[in-house]
Amino acid sequence: MGNTVPGRRNSILSKEGSVSEPSRQNTICDSDPISPGPQPEPLTPEQMELLTRTWKMLEDDIAHVGVITFISLFETHPDVQQGFMSFSGIELEDLKHSKQLRAHALR
């Protein structure tokens, strides 16, 4: 859904902020297109083979990869762990061996 009354929203916002400074939205215009960067070189057959073998190793133990991903997330952002009721308040060391986290990592 979107704002059904964009004019009203803009007038309300302009009253709250500084009227003398243009908004960031107004400083970007269509005459300044973002140019795409250079196209990457295609992968060599050797790179494709390496990529395929690497993904195969990850795929073979995808549940472990998922657990590592969640543990890393919880280590760097402990508040996120509290958003998962099943894992809230559980020590990370215990979560590393949790069948419940392993199952969740496969979803």
C-alpha atoms as a PDB file:
ATOM      1  CA  MET A   1       0.000   0.000   0.000  1.00  0.00           C
ATOM      2  CA  GLY A   2       1.185   3.504  -0.394  1.00  0.00           C
ATOM      3  CA  ASN A   3       0.346   6.919   0.818  1.00  0.00           C
ATOM      4  CA  THR A   4      -2.969   7.807  -0.770  1.00  0.00           C
ATOM      5  CA  VAL A   5      -2.509  11.503  -0.121  1.00  0.00           C
ATOM      6  CA  PRO A   6       1.092  12.299  -1.102  1.00  0.00           C
ATOM      7  CA  GLY A   7       0.503  16.045  -1.340  1.00  0.00           C
ATOM      8  CA  ARG A   8      -0.769  16.191   2.219  1.00  0.00           C
ATOM      9  CA  ARG A   9       2.138  14.093   3.474  1.00  0.00           C
ATOM     10  CA  ASN A  10       4.670  16.348   1.765  1.00  0.00           C
ATOM     11  CA  SER A  11       3.082  19.490   3.181  1.00  0.00           C
ATOM     12  CA  ILE A  12       3.102  18.018   6.675  1.00  0.00           C
ATOM     13  CA  LEU A  13       6.737  16.958   6.359  1.00  0.00           C
ATOM     14  CA  SER A  14       7.853  20.331   5.061  1.00  0.00           C
ATOM     15  CA  LYS A  15       6.258  22.056   8.059  1.00  0.00           C
ATOM     16  CA  GLU A  16       8.195  19.828  10.466  1.00  0.00           C
ATOM     17  CA  GLY A  17      11.619  20.217   8.853  1.00  0.00           C
ATOM     18  CA  SER A  18      13.611  23.192   7.724  1.00  0.00           C
ATOM     19  CA  VAL A  19      11.889  24.949   4.841  1.00  0.00           C
ATOM     20  CA  SER A  20      15.008  26.853   3.802  1.00  0.00           C
ATOM     21  CA  GLU A  21      17.026  23.724   2.947  1.00  0.00           C
ATOM     22  CA  PRO A  22      15.944  21.546   0.028  1.00  0.00           C
ATOM     23  CA  SER A  23      15.198  17.962   0.912  1.00  0.00           C
ATOM     24  CA  ARG A  24      17.470  15.212  -0.289  1.00  0.00           C
ATOM     25  CA  GLN A  25      14.641  13.970  -2.467  1.00  0.00           C
ATOM     26  CA  ASN A  26      14.570  17.289  -4.297  1.00  0.00           C
ATOM     27  CA  THR A  27      18.324  17.326  -4.934  1.00  0.00           C
ATOM     28  CA  ILE A  28      18.315  14.128  -6.982  1.00  0.00           C
ATOM     29  CA  CYS A  29      16.987  14.569 -10.480  1.00  0.00           C
ATOM     30  CA  ASP A  30      16.427  12.441 -13.551  1.00  0.00           C
ATOM     31  CA  SER A  31      19.182  14.230 -15.463  1.00  0.00           C
ATOM     32  CA  ASP A  32      21.791  12.548 -13.226  1.00  0.00           C
ATOM     33  CA  PRO A  33      21.411   8.888 -14.223  1.00  0.00           C
ATOM     34  CA  ILE A  34      23.513   6.355 -12.409  1.00  0.00           C
ATOM     35  CA  SER A  35      25.854   4.832 -14.924  1.00  0.00           C
ATOM     36  CA  PRO A  36      26.446   1.104 -14.663  1.00  0.00           C
ATOM     37  CA  GLY A  37      29.977   0.059 -13.855  1.00  0.00           C
ATOM     38  CA  PRO A  38      32.125  -1.944 -16.193  1.00  0.00           C
ATOM     39  CA  GLN A  39      30.885  -5.433 -16.974  1.00  0.00           C
ATOM     40  CA  PRO A  40      32.777  -8.138 -15.090  1.00  0.00           C
ATOM     41  CA  GLU A  41      34.891 -10.586 -17.019  1.00  0.00           C
ATOM     42  CA  PRO A  42      33.195 -13.952 -17.556  1.00  0.00           C
ATOM     43  CA  LEU A  43      34.380 -16.770 -15.334  1.00  0.00           C
ATOM     44  CA  THR A  44      36.995 -19.095 -16.729  1.00  0.00           C
ATOM     45  CA  PRO A  45      36.253 -22.841 -16.882  1.00  0.00           C
ATOM     46  CA  GLU A  46      38.632 -23.325 -13.931  1.00  0.00           C
ATOM     47  CA  GLN A  47      36.774 -20.704 -11.884  1.00  0.00           C
ATOM     48  CA  MET A  48      33.443 -22.327 -12.749  1.00  0.00           C
ATOM     49  CA  GLU A  49      34.775 -25.714 -11.616  1.00  0.00           C
ATOM     50  CA  LEU A  50      36.074 -24.245  -8.345  1.00  0.00           C
ATOM     51  CA  LEU A  51      32.780 -22.486  -7.729  1.00  0.00           C
ATOM     52  CA  THR A  52      30.802 -25.653  -8.420  1.00  0.00           C
ATOM     53  CA  ARG A  53      32.990 -27.753  -6.076  1.00  0.00           C
ATOM     54  CA  THR A  54      32.818 -25.109  -3.342  1.00  0.00           C
ATOM     55  CA  TRP A  55      29.032 -24.859  -3.468  1.00  0.00           C
ATOM     56  CA  LYS A  56      28.813 -28.674  -3.435  1.00  0.00           C
ATOM     57  CA  MET A  57      30.803 -28.769  -0.169  1.00  0.00           C
ATOM     58  CA  LEU A  58      28.452 -26.198   1.370  1.00  0.00           C
ATOM     59  CA  GLU A  59      25.384 -28.000   0.081  1.00  0.00           C
ATOM     60  CA  ASP A  60      26.551 -31.313   1.563  1.00  0.00           C
ATOM     61  CA  ASP A  61      26.455 -29.830   5.077  1.00  0.00           C
ATOM     62  CA  ILE A  62      23.943 -27.014   4.655  1.00  0.00           C
ATOM     63  CA  ALA A  63      22.479 -27.490   8.154  1.00  0.00           C
ATOM     64  CA  HIS A  64      25.899 -26.828   9.697  1.00  0.00           C
ATOM     65  CA  VAL A  65      26.303 -23.751   7.487  1.00  0.00           C
ATOM     66  CA  GLY A  66      22.916 -22.513   8.726  1.00  0.00           C
ATOM     67  CA  VAL A  67      23.860 -23.050  12.373  1.00  0.00           C
ATOM     68  CA  ILE A  68      27.149 -21.193  11.855  1.00  0.00           C
ATOM     69  CA  THR A  69      25.239 -18.352  10.204  1.00  0.00           C
ATOM     70  CA  PHE A  70      22.803 -18.022  13.114  1.00  0.00           C
ATOM     71  CA  ILE A  71      25.539 -18.289  15.756  1.00  0.00           C
ATOM     72  CA  SER A  72      27.562 -15.595  13.986  1.00  0.00           C
ATOM     73  CA  LEU A  73      24.481 -13.382  13.799  1.00  0.00           C
ATOM     74  CA  PHE A  74      23.737 -13.880  17.497  1.00  0.00           C
ATOM     75  CA  GLU A  75      27.380 -13.194  18.430  1.00  0.00           C
ATOM     76  CA  THR A  76      27.515  -9.916  16.538  1.00  0.00           C
ATOM     77  CA  HIS A  77      23.940  -8.829  17.317  1.00  0.00           C
ATOM     78  CA  PRO A  78      22.828 -10.386  20.636  1.00  0.00           C
ATOM     79  CA  ASP A  79      19.559  -8.448  20.556  1.00  0.00           C
ATOM     80  CA  VAL A  80      18.488 -10.409  17.463  1.00  0.00           C
ATOM     81  CA  GLN A  81      18.617 -13.670  19.412  1.00  0.00           C
ATOM     82  CA  GLN A  82      15.892 -12.343  21.706  1.00  0.00           C
ATOM     83  CA  GLY A  83      13.608 -12.074  18.665  1.00  0.00           C
ATOM     84  CA  PHE A  84      13.663 -15.861  18.337  1.00  0.00           C
ATOM     85  CA  MET A  85      11.533 -17.093  21.222  1.00  0.00           C
ATOM     86  CA  SER A  86      12.891 -20.644  20.911  1.00  0.00           C
ATOM     87  CA  PHE A  87      16.480 -19.435  21.290  1.00  0.00           C
ATOM     88  CA  SER A  88      16.015 -16.510  23.666  1.00  0.00           C
ATOM     89  CA  GLY A  89      18.139 -16.764  26.794  1.00  0.00           C
ATOM     90  CA  ILE A  90      20.034 -19.869  25.635  1.00  0.00           C
ATOM     91  CA  GLU A  91      23.824 -19.730  25.764  1.00  0.00           C
ATOM     92  CA  LEU A  92      25.492 -19.694  22.348  1.00  0.00           C
ATOM     93  CA  GLU A  93      27.594 -22.737  23.242  1.00  0.00           C
ATOM     94  CA  ASP A  94      24.384 -24.682  23.889  1.00  0.00           C
ATOM     95  CA  LEU A  95      22.814 -23.390  20.681  1.00  0.00           C
ATOM     96  CA  LYS A  96      25.760 -24.696  18.652  1.00  0.00           C
ATOM     97  CA  HIS A  97      24.584 -28.227  19.519  1.00  0.00           C
ATOM     98  CA  SER A  98      20.843 -27.538  19.460  1.00  0.00           C
ATOM     99  CA  LYS A  99      18.767 -29.849  17.261  1.00  0.00           C
ATOM    100  CA  GLN A 100      16.088 -27.170  17.266  1.00  0.00           C
ATOM    101  CA  LEU A 101      18.462 -24.546  15.811  1.00  0.00           C
ATOM    102  CA  ARG A 102      19.741 -27.074  13.275  1.00  0.00           C
ATOM    103  CA  ALA A 103      16.171 -27.776  12.145  1.00  0.00           C
ATOM    104  CA  HIS A 104      15.416 -24.057  11.970  1.00  0.00           C
ATOM    105  CA  ALA A 105      18.562 -23.496   9.908  1.00  0.00           C
ATOM    106  CA  LEU A 106      17.179 -25.879   7.270  1.00  0.00           C
ATOM    107  CA  ARG A 107      13.978 -23.910   6.730  1.00  0.00           C
END
